[in-house]
Amino acid sequence: YADPVKGRFTISRDNSKNTVFLQMS
């Protein structure tokens, strides 16, 4: 993670759905 988003954003991937997510709070 880039420093400005650490602790607030989460990246994840679901290979079964060919999708990557970015949860931002």
mmCIF file of all heavy atoms, coordinates in Angstrom:
data_MODEL
# 
_entry.id   MODEL 
# 
loop_
_atom_site.group_PDB 
_atom_site.id 
_atom_site.type_symbol 
_atom_site.label_atom_id 
_atom_site.label_alt_id 
_atom_site.label_comp_id 
_atom_site.label_asym_id 
_atom_site.label_entity_id 
_atom_site.label_seq_id 
_atom_site.pdbx_PDB_ins_code 
_atom_site.Cartn_x 
_atom_site.Cartn_y 
_atom_site.Cartn_z 
_atom_site.occupancy 
_atom_site.B_iso_or_equiv 
_atom_site.pdbx_formal_charge 
_atom_site.auth_seq_id 
_atom_site.auth_comp_id 
_atom_site.auth_asym_id 
_atom_site.auth_atom_id 
_atom_site.pdbx_PDB_model_num 
ATOM 1   N N   . TYR A 1 1  ? 0.830   -1.203  0.000   1.00 0.00 ? 1  TYR A N   1 
ATOM 2   C CA  . TYR A 1 1  ? 0.000   0.000   0.000   1.00 0.00 ? 1  TYR A CA  1 
ATOM 3   C C   . TYR A 1 1  ? 0.865   1.253   0.000   1.00 0.00 ? 1  TYR A C   1 
ATOM 4   O O   . TYR A 1 1  ? 1.934   1.293   0.617   1.00 0.00 ? 1  TYR A O   1 
ATOM 5   C CB  . TYR A 1 1  ? -0.892  0.035   1.243   1.00 0.00 ? 1  TYR A CB  1 
ATOM 6   C CG  . TYR A 1 1  ? -1.890  -1.090  1.323   1.00 0.00 ? 1  TYR A CG  1 
ATOM 7   C CD1 . TYR A 1 1  ? -1.621  -2.240  2.050   1.00 0.00 ? 1  TYR A CD1 1 
ATOM 8   C CD2 . TYR A 1 1  ? -3.114  -0.997  0.654   1.00 0.00 ? 1  TYR A CD2 1 
ATOM 9   C CE1 . TYR A 1 1  ? -2.529  -3.277  2.113   1.00 0.00 ? 1  TYR A CE1 1 
ATOM 10  C CE2 . TYR A 1 1  ? -4.032  -2.027  0.715   1.00 0.00 ? 1  TYR A CE2 1 
ATOM 11  C CZ  . TYR A 1 1  ? -3.742  -3.161  1.451   1.00 0.00 ? 1  TYR A CZ  1 
ATOM 12  O OH  . TYR A 1 1  ? -4.649  -4.183  1.506   1.00 0.00 ? 1  TYR A OH  1 
ATOM 13  N N   . ALA A 1 2  ? 0.365   2.262   -0.671  1.00 0.00 ? 2  ALA A N   1 
ATOM 14  C CA  . ALA A 1 2  ? 0.991   3.576   -0.584  1.00 0.00 ? 2  ALA A CA  1 
ATOM 15  C C   . ALA A 1 2  ? 0.741   4.146   0.801   1.00 0.00 ? 2  ALA A C   1 
ATOM 16  O O   . ALA A 1 2  ? -0.312  3.903   1.407   1.00 0.00 ? 2  ALA A O   1 
ATOM 17  C CB  . ALA A 1 2  ? 0.415   4.499   -1.654  1.00 0.00 ? 2  ALA A CB  1 
ATOM 18  N N   . ASP A 1 3  ? 1.682   4.910   1.296   1.00 0.00 ? 3  ASP A N   1 
ATOM 19  C CA  . ASP A 1 3  ? 1.567   5.439   2.662   1.00 0.00 ? 3  ASP A CA  1 
ATOM 20  C C   . ASP A 1 3  ? 0.270   6.207   2.919   1.00 0.00 ? 3  ASP A C   1 
ATOM 21  O O   . ASP A 1 3  ? -0.335  6.064   3.987   1.00 0.00 ? 3  ASP A O   1 
ATOM 22  C CB  . ASP A 1 3  ? 2.771   6.328   2.980   1.00 0.00 ? 3  ASP A CB  1 
ATOM 23  C CG  . ASP A 1 3  ? 4.034   5.523   3.231   1.00 0.00 ? 3  ASP A CG  1 
ATOM 24  O OD1 . ASP A 1 3  ? 3.935   4.310   3.481   1.00 0.00 ? 3  ASP A OD1 1 
ATOM 25  O OD2 . ASP A 1 3  ? 5.126   6.129   3.167   1.00 0.00 ? 3  ASP A OD2 1 
ATOM 26  N N   . PRO A 1 4  ? -0.204  7.043   1.977   1.00 0.00 ? 4  PRO A N   1 
ATOM 27  C CA  . PRO A 1 4  ? -1.416  7.831   2.262   1.00 0.00 ? 4  PRO A CA  1 
ATOM 28  C C   . PRO A 1 4  ? -2.673  7.001   2.495   1.00 0.00 ? 4  PRO A C   1 
ATOM 29  O O   . PRO A 1 4  ? -3.655  7.519   3.041   1.00 0.00 ? 4  PRO A O   1 
ATOM 30  C CB  . PRO A 1 4  ? -1.574  8.708   1.014   1.00 0.00 ? 4  PRO A CB  1 
ATOM 31  C CG  . PRO A 1 4  ? -0.214  8.777   0.432   1.00 0.00 ? 4  PRO A CG  1 
ATOM 32  C CD  . PRO A 1 4  ? 0.388   7.444   0.680   1.00 0.00 ? 4  PRO A CD  1 
ATOM 33  N N   . VAL A 1 5  ? -2.675  5.726   2.091   1.00 0.00 ? 5  VAL A N   1 
ATOM 34  C CA  . VAL A 1 5  ? -3.892  4.924   2.211   1.00 0.00 ? 5  VAL A CA  1 
ATOM 35  C C   . VAL A 1 5  ? -3.759  3.783   3.200   1.00 0.00 ? 5  VAL A C   1 
ATOM 36  O O   . VAL A 1 5  ? -4.727  3.065   3.448   1.00 0.00 ? 5  VAL A O   1 
ATOM 37  C CB  . VAL A 1 5  ? -4.342  4.380   0.839   1.00 0.00 ? 5  VAL A CB  1 
ATOM 38  C CG1 . VAL A 1 5  ? -4.442  5.518   -0.183  1.00 0.00 ? 5  VAL A CG1 1 
ATOM 39  C CG2 . VAL A 1 5  ? -3.426  3.280   0.329   1.00 0.00 ? 5  VAL A CG2 1 
ATOM 40  N N   . LYS A 1 6  ? -2.576  3.598   3.767   1.00 0.00 ? 6  LYS A N   1 
ATOM 41  C CA  . LYS A 1 6  ? -2.372  2.511   4.725   1.00 0.00 ? 6  LYS A CA  1 
ATOM 42  C C   . LYS A 1 6  ? -3.336  2.637   5.895   1.00 0.00 ? 6  LYS A C   1 
ATOM 43  O O   . LYS A 1 6  ? -3.509  3.708   6.464   1.00 0.00 ? 6  LYS A O   1 
ATOM 44  C CB  . LYS A 1 6  ? -0.933  2.522   5.223   1.00 0.00 ? 6  LYS A CB  1 
ATOM 45  C CG  . LYS A 1 6  ? 0.068   1.972   4.223   1.00 0.00 ? 6  LYS A CG  1 
ATOM 46  C CD  . LYS A 1 6  ? 1.481   1.969   4.792   1.00 0.00 ? 6  LYS A CD  1 
ATOM 47  C CE  . LYS A 1 6  ? 2.466   1.392   3.789   1.00 0.00 ? 6  LYS A CE  1 
ATOM 48  N NZ  . LYS A 1 6  ? 3.864   1.433   4.290   1.00 0.00 ? 6  LYS A NZ  1 
ATOM 49  N N   . GLY A 1 7  ? -3.970  1.534   6.230   1.00 0.00 ? 7  GLY A N   1 
ATOM 50  C CA  . GLY A 1 7  ? -4.930  1.523   7.328   1.00 0.00 ? 7  GLY A CA  1 
ATOM 51  C C   . GLY A 1 7  ? -6.333  1.927   6.934   1.00 0.00 ? 7  GLY A C   1 
ATOM 52  O O   . GLY A 1 7  ? -7.265  1.780   7.735   1.00 0.00 ? 7  GLY A O   1 
ATOM 53  N N   . ARG A 1 8  ? -6.490  2.447   5.713   1.00 0.00 ? 8  ARG A N   1 
ATOM 54  C CA  . ARG A 1 8  ? -7.819  2.879   5.264   1.00 0.00 ? 8  ARG A CA  1 
ATOM 55  C C   . ARG A 1 8  ? -8.325  2.074   4.071   1.00 0.00 ? 8  ARG A C   1 
ATOM 56  O O   . ARG A 1 8  ? -9.529  1.886   3.915   1.00 0.00 ? 8  ARG A O   1 
ATOM 57  C CB  . ARG A 1 8  ? -7.784  4.356   4.882   1.00 0.00 ? 8  ARG A CB  1 
ATOM 58  C CG  . ARG A 1 8  ? -7.399  5.297   6.016   1.00 0.00 ? 8  ARG A CG  1 
ATOM 59  C CD  . ARG A 1 8  ? -7.595  6.762   5.620   1.00 0.00 ? 8  ARG A CD  1 
ATOM 60  N NE  . ARG A 1 8  ? -6.754  7.160   4.490   1.00 0.00 ? 8  ARG A NE  1 
ATOM 61  C CZ  . ARG A 1 8  ? -7.225  7.657   3.345   1.00 0.00 ? 8  ARG A CZ  1 
ATOM 62  N NH1 . ARG A 1 8  ? -8.528  7.814   3.167   1.00 0.00 ? 8  ARG A NH1 1 
ATOM 63  N NH2 . ARG A 1 8  ? -6.389  8.005   2.371   1.00 0.00 ? 8  ARG A NH2 1 
ATOM 64  N N   . PHE A 1 9  ? -7.412  1.643   3.218   1.00 0.00 ? 9  PHE A N   1 
ATOM 65  C CA  . PHE A 1 9  ? -7.782  0.911   2.015   1.00 0.00 ? 9  PHE A CA  1 
ATOM 66  C C   . PHE A 1 9  ? -7.321  -0.543  2.130   1.00 0.00 ? 9  PHE A C   1 
ATOM 67  O O   . PHE A 1 9  ? -6.285  -0.843  2.748   1.00 0.00 ? 9  PHE A O   1 
ATOM 68  C CB  . PHE A 1 9  ? -7.118  1.524   0.789   1.00 0.00 ? 9  PHE A CB  1 
ATOM 69  C CG  . PHE A 1 9  ? -7.624  2.876   0.382   1.00 0.00 ? 9  PHE A CG  1 
ATOM 70  C CD1 . PHE A 1 9  ? -8.462  3.618   1.190   1.00 0.00 ? 9  PHE A CD1 1 
ATOM 71  C CD2 . PHE A 1 9  ? -7.257  3.411   -0.844  1.00 0.00 ? 9  PHE A CD2 1 
ATOM 72  C CE1 . PHE A 1 9  ? -8.929  4.868   0.803   1.00 0.00 ? 9  PHE A CE1 1 
ATOM 73  C CE2 . PHE A 1 9  ? -7.695  4.655   -1.257  1.00 0.00 ? 9  PHE A CE2 1 
ATOM 74  C CZ  . PHE A 1 9  ? -8.523  5.387   -0.431  1.00 0.00 ? 9  PHE A CZ  1 
ATOM 75  N N   . THR A 1 10 ? -8.087  -1.439  1.497   1.00 0.00 ? 10 THR A N   1 
ATOM 76  C CA  . THR A 1 10 ? -7.719  -2.847  1.453   1.00 0.00 ? 10 THR A CA  1 
ATOM 77  C C   . THR A 1 10 ? -7.905  -3.376  0.035   1.00 0.00 ? 10 THR A C   1 
ATOM 78  O O   . THR A 1 10 ? -8.990  -3.234  -0.539  1.00 0.00 ? 10 THR A O   1 
ATOM 79  C CB  . THR A 1 10 ? -8.577  -3.673  2.413   1.00 0.00 ? 10 THR A CB  1 
ATOM 80  O OG1 . THR A 1 10 ? -8.410  -3.183  3.757   1.00 0.00 ? 10 THR A OG1 1 
ATOM 81  C CG2 . THR A 1 10 ? -8.169  -5.140  2.373   1.00 0.00 ? 10 THR A CG2 1 
ATOM 82  N N   . ILE A 1 11 ? -6.856  -3.978  -0.489  1.00 0.00 ? 11 ILE A N   1 
ATOM 83  C CA  . ILE A 1 11 ? -6.945  -4.602  -1.808  1.00 0.00 ? 11 ILE A CA  1 
ATOM 84  C C   . ILE A 1 11 ? -7.128  -6.107  -1.614  1.00 0.00 ? 11 ILE A C   1 
ATOM 85  O O   . ILE A 1 11 ? -6.551  -6.709  -0.704  1.00 0.00 ? 11 ILE A O   1 
ATOM 86  C CB  . ILE A 1 11 ? -5.683  -4.299  -2.655  1.00 0.00 ? 11 ILE A CB  1 
ATOM 87  C CG1 . ILE A 1 11 ? -5.873  -4.793  -4.092  1.00 0.00 ? 11 ILE A CG1 1 
ATOM 88  C CG2 . ILE A 1 11 ? -4.428  -4.891  -2.018  1.00 0.00 ? 11 ILE A CG2 1 
ATOM 89  C CD1 . ILE A 1 11 ? -4.761  -4.339  -5.050  1.00 0.00 ? 11 ILE A CD1 1 
ATOM 90  N N   . SER A 1 12 ? -7.955  -6.688  -2.474  1.00 0.00 ? 12 SER A N   1 
ATOM 91  C CA  . SER A 1 12 ? -8.170  -8.128  -2.428  1.00 0.00 ? 12 SER A CA  1 
ATOM 92  C C   . SER A 1 12 ? -8.457  -8.619  -3.833  1.00 0.00 ? 12 SER A C   1 
ATOM 93  O O   . SER A 1 12 ? -8.759  -7.824  -4.724  1.00 0.00 ? 12 SER A O   1 
ATOM 94  C CB  . SER A 1 12 ? -9.320  -8.485  -1.478  1.00 0.00 ? 12 SER A CB  1 
ATOM 95  O OG  . SER A 1 12 ? -10.532 -7.906  -1.915  1.00 0.00 ? 12 SER A OG  1 
ATOM 96  N N   . ARG A 1 13 ? -8.362  -9.930  -4.004  1.00 0.00 ? 13 ARG A N   1 
ATOM 97  C CA  . ARG A 1 13 ? -8.658  -10.501 -5.314  1.00 0.00 ? 13 ARG A CA  1 
ATOM 98  C C   . ARG A 1 13 ? -9.436  -11.791 -5.130  1.00 0.00 ? 13 ARG A C   1 
ATOM 99  O O   . ARG A 1 13 ? -9.252  -12.519 -4.150  1.00 0.00 ? 13 ARG A O   1 
ATOM 100 C CB  . ARG A 1 13 ? -7.363  -10.742 -6.097  1.00 0.00 ? 13 ARG A CB  1 
ATOM 101 C CG  . ARG A 1 13 ? -6.434  -11.784 -5.523  1.00 0.00 ? 13 ARG A CG  1 
ATOM 102 C CD  . ARG A 1 13 ? -5.064  -11.762 -6.233  1.00 0.00 ? 13 ARG A CD  1 
ATOM 103 N NE  . ARG A 1 13 ? -5.162  -12.071 -7.646  1.00 0.00 ? 13 ARG A NE  1 
ATOM 104 C CZ  . ARG A 1 13 ? -4.205  -11.817 -8.539  1.00 0.00 ? 13 ARG A CZ  1 
ATOM 105 N NH1 . ARG A 1 13 ? -3.064  -11.256 -8.147  1.00 0.00 ? 13 ARG A NH1 1 
ATOM 106 N NH2 . ARG A 1 13 ? -4.371  -12.146 -9.809  1.00 0.00 ? 13 ARG A NH2 1 
ATOM 107 N N   . ASP A 1 14 ? -10.293 -12.059 -6.106  1.00 0.00 ? 14 ASP A N   1 
ATOM 108 C CA  . ASP A 1 14 ? -11.051 -13.297 -6.159  1.00 0.00 ? 14 ASP A CA  1 
ATOM 109 C C   . ASP A 1 14 ? -10.741 -13.939 -7.509  1.00 0.00 ? 14 ASP A C   1 
ATOM 110 O O   . ASP A 1 14 ? -11.324 -13.561 -8.529  1.00 0.00 ? 14 ASP A O   1 
ATOM 111 C CB  . ASP A 1 14 ? -12.541 -13.016 -5.995  1.00 0.00 ? 14 ASP A CB  1 
ATOM 112 C CG  . ASP A 1 14 ? -13.367 -14.295 -5.902  1.00 0.00 ? 14 ASP A CG  1 
ATOM 113 O OD1 . ASP A 1 14 ? -12.895 -15.354 -6.346  1.00 0.00 ? 14 ASP A OD1 1 
ATOM 114 O OD2 . ASP A 1 14 ? -14.498 -14.218 -5.402  1.00 0.00 ? 14 ASP A OD2 1 
ATOM 115 N N   . ASN A 1 15 ? -9.825  -14.871 -7.499  1.00 0.00 ? 15 ASN A N   1 
ATOM 116 C CA  . ASN A 1 15 ? -9.401  -15.475 -8.763  1.00 0.00 ? 15 ASN A CA  1 
ATOM 117 C C   . ASN A 1 15 ? -10.508 -16.302 -9.409  1.00 0.00 ? 15 ASN A C   1 
ATOM 118 O O   . ASN A 1 15 ? -10.506 -16.491 -10.631 1.00 0.00 ? 15 ASN A O   1 
ATOM 119 C CB  . ASN A 1 15 ? -8.162  -16.339 -8.534  1.00 0.00 ? 15 ASN A CB  1 
ATOM 120 C CG  . ASN A 1 15 ? -6.929  -15.515 -8.198  1.00 0.00 ? 15 ASN A CG  1 
ATOM 121 O OD1 . ASN A 1 15 ? -6.825  -14.342 -8.570  1.00 0.00 ? 15 ASN A OD1 1 
ATOM 122 N ND2 . ASN A 1 15 ? -5.984  -16.106 -7.487  1.00 0.00 ? 15 ASN A ND2 1 
ATOM 123 N N   . SER A 1 16 ? -11.459 -16.787 -8.614  1.00 0.00 ? 16 SER A N   1 
ATOM 124 C CA  . SER A 1 16 ? -12.568 -17.563 -9.181  1.00 0.00 ? 16 SER A CA  1 
ATOM 125 C C   . SER A 1 16 ? -13.510 -16.672 -9.994  1.00 0.00 ? 16 SER A C   1 
ATOM 126 O O   . SER A 1 16 ? -14.243 -17.157 -10.852 1.00 0.00 ? 16 SER A O   1 
ATOM 127 C CB  . SER A 1 16 ? -13.340 -18.274 -8.080  1.00 0.00 ? 16 SER A CB  1 
ATOM 128 O OG  . SER A 1 16 ? -14.046 -17.355 -7.271  1.00 0.00 ? 16 SER A OG  1 
ATOM 129 N N   . LYS A 1 17 ? -13.476 -15.364 -9.688  1.00 0.00 ? 17 LYS A N   1 
ATOM 130 C CA  . LYS A 1 17 ? -14.338 -14.409 -10.396 1.00 0.00 ? 17 LYS A CA  1 
ATOM 131 C C   . LYS A 1 17 ? -13.540 -13.448 -11.271 1.00 0.00 ? 17 LYS A C   1 
ATOM 132 O O   . LYS A 1 17 ? -14.105 -12.509 -11.834 1.00 0.00 ? 17 LYS A O   1 
ATOM 133 C CB  . LYS A 1 17 ? -15.164 -13.617 -9.389  1.00 0.00 ? 17 LYS A CB  1 
ATOM 134 C CG  . LYS A 1 17 ? -16.124 -14.456 -8.562  1.00 0.00 ? 17 LYS A CG  1 
ATOM 135 C CD  . LYS A 1 17 ? -16.923 -13.603 -7.600  1.00 0.00 ? 17 LYS A CD  1 
ATOM 136 C CE  . LYS A 1 17 ? -17.891 -14.469 -6.799  1.00 0.00 ? 17 LYS A CE  1 
ATOM 137 N NZ  . LYS A 1 17 ? -18.676 -13.665 -5.831  1.00 0.00 ? 17 LYS A NZ  1 
ATOM 138 N N   . ASN A 1 18 ? -12.229 -13.686 -11.377 1.00 0.00 ? 18 ASN A N   1 
ATOM 139 C CA  . ASN A 1 18 ? -11.374 -12.809 -12.196 1.00 0.00 ? 18 ASN A CA  1 
ATOM 140 C C   . ASN A 1 18 ? -11.557 -11.343 -11.824 1.00 0.00 ? 18 ASN A C   1 
ATOM 141 O O   . ASN A 1 18 ? -11.670 -10.467 -12.710 1.00 0.00 ? 18 ASN A O   1 
ATOM 142 C CB  . ASN A 1 18 ? -11.665 -13.002 -13.690 1.00 0.00 ? 18 ASN A CB  1 
ATOM 143 C CG  . ASN A 1 18 ? -11.034 -14.257 -14.246 1.00 0.00 ? 18 ASN A CG  1 
ATOM 144 O OD1 . ASN A 1 18 ? -10.575 -15.115 -13.504 1.00 0.00 ? 18 ASN A OD1 1 
ATOM 145 N ND2 . ASN A 1 18 ? -11.017 -14.381 -15.560 1.00 0.00 ? 18 ASN A ND2 1 
ATOM 146 N N   . THR A 1 19 ? -11.592 -11.062 -10.534 1.00 0.00 ? 19 THR A N   1 
ATOM 147 C CA  . THR A 1 19 ? -11.881 -9.714  -10.072 1.00 0.00 ? 19 THR A CA  1 
ATOM 148 C C   . THR A 1 19 ? -10.927 -9.298  -8.953  1.00 0.00 ? 19 THR A C   1 
ATOM 149 O O   . THR A 1 19 ? -10.601 -10.123 -8.094  1.00 0.00 ? 19 THR A O   1 
ATOM 150 C CB  . THR A 1 19 ? -13.333 -9.607  -9.581  1.00 0.00 ? 19 THR A CB  1 
ATOM 151 O OG1 . THR A 1 19 ? -14.223 -10.007 -10.627 1.00 0.00 ? 19 THR A OG1 1 
ATOM 152 C CG2 . THR A 1 19 ? -13.674 -8.172  -9.186  1.00 0.00 ? 19 THR A CG2 1 
ATOM 153 N N   . VAL A 1 20 ? -10.531 -8.035  -8.997  1.00 0.00 ? 20 VAL A N   1 
ATOM 154 C CA  . VAL A 1 20 ? -9.765  -7.441  -7.905  1.00 0.00 ? 20 VAL A CA  1 
ATOM 155 C C   . VAL A 1 20 ? -10.581 -6.288  -7.333  1.00 0.00 ? 20 VAL A C   1 
ATOM 156 O O   . VAL A 1 20 ? -11.283 -5.592  -8.081  1.00 0.00 ? 20 VAL A O   1 
ATOM 157 C CB  . VAL A 1 20 ? -8.366  -6.984  -8.379  1.00 0.00 ? 20 VAL A CB  1 
ATOM 158 C CG1 . VAL A 1 20 ? -8.450  -5.926  -9.447  1.00 0.00 ? 20 VAL A CG1 1 
ATOM 159 C CG2 . VAL A 1 20 ? -7.525  -6.529  -7.204  1.00 0.00 ? 20 VAL A CG2 1 
ATOM 160 N N   . PHE A 1 21 ? -10.507 -6.121  -6.025  1.00 0.00 ? 21 PHE A N   1 
ATOM 161 C CA  . PHE A 1 21 ? -11.312 -5.124  -5.334  1.00 0.00 ? 21 PHE A CA  1 
ATOM 162 C C   . PHE A 1 21 ? -10.412 -4.131  -4.603  1.00 0.00 ? 21 PHE A C   1 
ATOM 163 O O   . PHE A 1 21 ? -9.280  -4.446  -4.232  1.00 0.00 ? 21 PHE A O   1 
ATOM 164 C CB  . PHE A 1 21 ? -12.233 -5.787  -4.311  1.00 0.00 ? 21 PHE A CB  1 
ATOM 165 C CG  . PHE A 1 21 ? -13.133 -6.838  -4.878  1.00 0.00 ? 21 PHE A CG  1 
ATOM 166 C CD1 . PHE A 1 21 ? -12.789 -8.184  -4.815  1.00 0.00 ? 21 PHE A CD1 1 
ATOM 167 C CD2 . PHE A 1 21 ? -14.332 -6.487  -5.489  1.00 0.00 ? 21 PHE A CD2 1 
ATOM 168 C CE1 . PHE A 1 21 ? -13.617 -9.160  -5.340  1.00 0.00 ? 21 PHE A CE1 1 
ATOM 169 C CE2 . PHE A 1 21 ? -15.165 -7.458  -6.019  1.00 0.00 ? 21 PHE A CE2 1 
ATOM 170 C CZ  . PHE A 1 21 ? -14.810 -8.800  -5.941  1.00 0.00 ? 21 PHE A CZ  1 
ATOM 171 N N   . LEU A 1 22 ? -10.963 -2.947  -4.394  1.00 0.00 ? 22 LEU A N   1 
ATOM 172 C CA  . LEU A 1 22 ? -10.315 -1.972  -3.526  1.00 0.00 ? 22 LEU A CA  1 
ATOM 173 C C   . LEU A 1 22 ? -11.384 -1.439  -2.578  1.00 0.00 ? 22 LEU A C   1 
ATOM 174 O O   . LEU A 1 22 ? -12.272 -0.696  -3.003  1.00 0.00 ? 22 LEU A O   1 
ATOM 175 C CB  . LEU A 1 22 ? -9.683  -0.831  -4.316  1.00 0.00 ? 22 LEU A CB  1 
ATOM 176 C CG  . LEU A 1 22 ? -8.882  0.162   -3.471  1.00 0.00 ? 22 LEU A CG  1 
ATOM 177 C CD1 . LEU A 1 22 ? -7.619  -0.512  -2.920  1.00 0.00 ? 22 LEU A CD1 1 
ATOM 178 C CD2 . LEU A 1 22 ? -8.508  1.394   -4.287  1.00 0.00 ? 22 LEU A CD2 1 
ATOM 179 N N   . GLN A 1 23 ? -11.300 -1.859  -1.329  1.00 0.00 ? 23 GLN A N   1 
ATOM 180 C CA  . GLN A 1 23 ? -12.215 -1.365  -0.301  1.00 0.00 ? 23 GLN A CA  1 
ATOM 181 C C   . GLN A 1 23 ? -11.603 -0.121  0.312   1.00 0.00 ? 23 GLN A C   1 
ATOM 182 O O   . GLN A 1 23 ? -10.487 -0.164  0.834   1.00 0.00 ? 23 GLN A O   1 
ATOM 183 C CB  . GLN A 1 23 ? -12.433 -2.430  0.771   1.00 0.00 ? 23 GLN A CB  1 
ATOM 184 C CG  . GLN A 1 23 ? -13.353 -1.986  1.889   1.00 0.00 ? 23 GLN A CG  1 
ATOM 185 C CD  . GLN A 1 23 ? -14.780 -1.786  1.418   1.00 0.00 ? 23 GLN A CD  1 
ATOM 186 O OE1 . GLN A 1 23 ? -15.333 -2.634  0.717   1.00 0.00 ? 23 GLN A OE1 1 
ATOM 187 N NE2 . GLN A 1 23 ? -15.386 -0.670  1.802   1.00 0.00 ? 23 GLN A NE2 1 
ATOM 188 N N   . MET A 1 24 ? -12.327 0.982   0.225   1.00 0.00 ? 24 MET A N   1 
ATOM 189 C CA  . MET A 1 24 ? -11.828 2.260   0.714   1.00 0.00 ? 24 MET A CA  1 
ATOM 190 C C   . MET A 1 24 ? -12.716 2.747   1.845   1.00 0.00 ? 24 MET A C   1 
ATOM 191 O O   . MET A 1 24 ? -13.945 2.767   1.714   1.00 0.00 ? 24 MET A O   1 
ATOM 192 C CB  . MET A 1 24 ? -11.809 3.283   -0.419  1.00 0.00 ? 24 MET A CB  1 
ATOM 193 C CG  . MET A 1 24 ? -11.049 2.818   -1.656  1.00 0.00 ? 24 MET A CG  1 
ATOM 194 S SD  . MET A 1 24 ? -10.930 4.079   -2.928  1.00 0.00 ? 24 MET A SD  1 
ATOM 195 C CE  . MET A 1 24 ? -12.641 4.170   -3.438  1.00 0.00 ? 24 MET A CE  1 
ATOM 196 N N   . SER A 1 25 ? -12.121 3.137   2.940   1.00 0.00 ? 25 SER A N   1 
ATOM 197 C CA  . SER A 1 25 ? -12.872 3.670   4.068   1.00 0.00 ? 25 SER A CA  1 
ATOM 198 C C   . SER A 1 25 ? -12.196 4.933   4.579   1.00 0.00 ? 25 SER A C   1 
ATOM 199 O O   . SER A 1 25 ? -11.071 5.254   4.186   1.00 0.00 ? 25 SER A O   1 
ATOM 200 C CB  . SER A 1 25 ? -12.976 2.626   5.181   1.00 0.00 ? 25 SER A CB  1 
ATOM 201 O OG  . SER A 1 25 ? -11.687 2.259   5.639   1.00 0.00 ? 25 SER A OG  1 
# 
